[in-house]
Protein backbone atom coordinates (compact mmCIF):
# COMPACT_ATOMS: atom_id res chain seq x y z
CA UNK A 1 107.56 -156.66 -85.65
CA UNK A 2 108.98 -160.15 -84.73
CA UNK A 3 112.71 -158.69 -85.17
CA UNK A 4 112.46 -155.55 -83.03
CA UNK A 5 112.24 -155.12 -78.95
CA UNK A 6 110.20 -152.00 -78.99
CA UNK A 7 108.52 -149.24 -80.43
CA UNK A 8 109.54 -145.32 -79.82
CA UNK A 9 106.34 -143.14 -81.49
CA UNK A 10 105.45 -139.51 -80.73
CA UNK A 11 102.55 -138.09 -79.30
CA UNK A 12 100.54 -137.54 -82.52
CA UNK A 13 101.21 -140.77 -83.63
CA UNK A 14 100.04 -142.41 -80.08
CA UNK A 15 97.18 -139.95 -79.55
CA UNK A 16 96.18 -141.78 -83.63
CA UNK A 17 96.81 -145.14 -82.33
CA UNK A 18 94.73 -144.66 -79.01
CA UNK A 19 91.65 -143.28 -81.21
CA UNK A 20 91.44 -146.68 -83.33
CA UNK A 21 88.46 -149.00 -82.35
CA UNK A 22 89.34 -152.43 -81.09
CA UNK A 23 92.55 -154.00 -79.25
CA UNK A 24 95.92 -152.43 -78.54
CA UNK A 25 97.70 -153.01 -81.74
CA UNK A 26 101.08 -153.66 -80.36
CA UNK A 27 102.44 -156.71 -78.36
CA UNK A 28 106.21 -154.70 -77.84
CA UNK A 29 106.44 -152.37 -75.15
CA UNK A 30 105.52 -148.58 -76.23
CA UNK A 31 108.12 -145.20 -75.69
CA UNK A 32 105.82 -142.42 -76.55
CA UNK A 33 107.97 -139.21 -76.80
CA UNK A 34 106.46 -136.06 -75.97
CA UNK A 35 107.31 -132.64 -74.54
CA UNK A 36 103.59 -131.60 -73.91
CA UNK A 37 102.07 -134.74 -72.31
CA UNK A 38 102.26 -134.81 -68.92
CA UNK A 39 101.63 -138.59 -68.21
CA UNK A 40 99.60 -141.35 -70.19
CA UNK A 41 95.94 -141.67 -69.99
CA UNK A 42 94.65 -143.90 -67.71
CA UNK A 43 93.65 -146.40 -70.33
CA UNK A 44 97.12 -146.96 -71.48
CA UNK A 45 99.25 -147.11 -68.46
CA UNK A 46 100.01 -150.34 -69.06
CA UNK A 47 100.77 -150.47 -72.55
CA UNK A 48 102.77 -147.15 -73.07
CA UNK A 49 105.22 -145.32 -71.20
CA UNK A 50 106.00 -141.53 -71.65
CA UNK A 51 109.72 -140.35 -72.07
CA UNK A 52 111.44 -136.94 -72.20
CA UNK A 53 114.88 -135.52 -72.49
CA UNK A 54 117.13 -135.53 -75.77
CA UNK A 55 117.03 -138.34 -78.14
CA UNK A 56 120.57 -139.68 -77.15
CA UNK A 57 119.46 -139.84 -73.58
CA UNK A 58 116.30 -141.06 -74.36
CA UNK A 59 117.98 -143.97 -76.31
CA UNK A 60 120.46 -144.77 -73.55
CA UNK A 61 117.39 -145.14 -71.07
CA UNK A 62 115.52 -147.33 -73.52
CA UNK A 63 118.73 -149.36 -74.02
CA UNK A 64 119.59 -149.71 -70.60
CA UNK A 65 116.32 -151.51 -69.97
CA UNK A 66 117.25 -154.30 -72.49
CA UNK A 67 115.70 -152.80 -75.55
CA UNK A 68 118.30 -152.47 -78.51
CA UNK A 69 116.43 -152.89 -81.83
CA UNK A 70 113.78 -150.31 -81.94
CA UNK A 71 110.99 -149.20 -84.19
CA UNK A 72 110.77 -145.02 -84.55
CA UNK A 73 107.53 -144.38 -85.72
CA UNK A 74 105.86 -141.00 -86.80
CA UNK A 75 106.71 -138.41 -89.06
CA UNK A 76 108.03 -135.71 -86.67
CA UNK A 77 109.55 -138.62 -84.90
CA UNK A 78 111.70 -139.98 -87.71
CA UNK A 79 112.80 -136.94 -88.89
CA UNK A 80 113.92 -136.01 -85.57
CA UNK A 81 116.08 -139.52 -85.28
CA UNK A 82 117.32 -138.74 -89.03
CA UNK A 83 118.61 -135.10 -88.05
CA UNK A 84 120.60 -136.85 -85.26
CA UNK A 85 121.64 -139.69 -87.56
CA UNK A 86 119.96 -142.15 -85.07
CA UNK A 87 118.47 -144.13 -88.04
CA UNK A 88 120.22 -147.37 -88.73
CA UNK A 89 117.61 -148.78 -91.07
CA UNK A 90 114.43 -147.73 -92.63
CA UNK A 91 111.66 -149.70 -93.99
CA UNK A 92 109.88 -147.82 -96.28
CA UNK A 93 106.09 -148.53 -97.60
CA UNK A 94 104.78 -146.95 -100.18
CA UNK A 95 101.18 -147.19 -100.91
CA UNK A 96 100.00 -145.67 -104.03
CA UNK A 97 97.84 -143.03 -102.68
CA UNK A 98 99.00 -139.24 -103.11
CA UNK A 99 96.95 -137.72 -99.94
CA UNK A 100 98.02 -134.36 -100.96
CA UNK A 101 99.07 -132.86 -97.33
CA UNK A 102 100.51 -134.19 -93.97
CA UNK A 103 104.20 -134.49 -92.29
CA UNK A 104 107.05 -135.07 -94.86
CA UNK A 105 108.77 -138.57 -94.07
CA UNK A 106 111.82 -136.67 -94.46
CA UNK A 107 112.39 -133.22 -93.27
CA UNK A 108 115.41 -131.07 -93.79
CA UNK A 109 118.37 -132.78 -92.32
CA UNK A 110 121.86 -131.17 -91.51
CA UNK A 111 123.85 -133.34 -94.05
CA UNK A 112 123.21 -136.38 -96.18
CA UNK A 113 122.54 -140.21 -95.07
CA UNK A 114 123.55 -143.06 -97.27
CA UNK A 115 121.57 -146.00 -97.34
CA UNK A 116 122.27 -148.89 -98.91
CA UNK A 117 119.00 -150.48 -100.72
CA UNK A 118 118.65 -154.35 -99.04
CA UNK A 119 115.09 -155.66 -100.69
CA UNK A 120 111.92 -154.31 -102.34
CA UNK A 121 108.80 -156.68 -101.70
CA UNK A 122 105.39 -155.81 -103.22
CA UNK A 123 102.03 -156.61 -101.43
CA UNK A 124 98.87 -157.14 -103.05
CA UNK A 125 100.31 -156.28 -106.25
CA UNK A 126 100.71 -152.60 -105.47
CA UNK A 127 102.16 -151.62 -102.21
CA UNK A 128 105.91 -151.62 -101.89
CA UNK A 129 107.76 -152.00 -98.91
CA UNK A 130 111.85 -151.43 -99.35
CA UNK A 131 114.49 -151.55 -96.73
CA UNK A 132 117.32 -150.11 -96.57
CA UNK A 133 120.57 -149.96 -94.28
CA UNK A 134 122.62 -147.19 -93.11
CA UNK A 135 125.85 -146.87 -94.70
CA UNK A 136 128.49 -145.31 -92.06
CA UNK A 137 132.29 -144.61 -92.75
């Protein structure tokens, strides 16, 4: 998190985070993408901002506020960014538990996206975190 300026997440992820007990887990600005939310719930007004529109327009507005390095969170949100080829780096953490359900990390995209493997690190002898950078022509 030290290397990012802000977090962009979908409504489902935001609602999940809001359901956690304890303090708000983010020290960085949080932008919530939603087509159905009208506003951010009162307890989170100072913690998150609702953004709407096309992804390029949303990114332009966030970048104009000075936030360049963004952490994209949430299955459907990541899929939307990948569909529009708006992801420059991927950090994928694999935990050895098969859930059997959920939202696939990679949905259908219009074309193949090529990423270069940068590194992998193992935590607690079982959790693997791999970093990739988008290879562009």
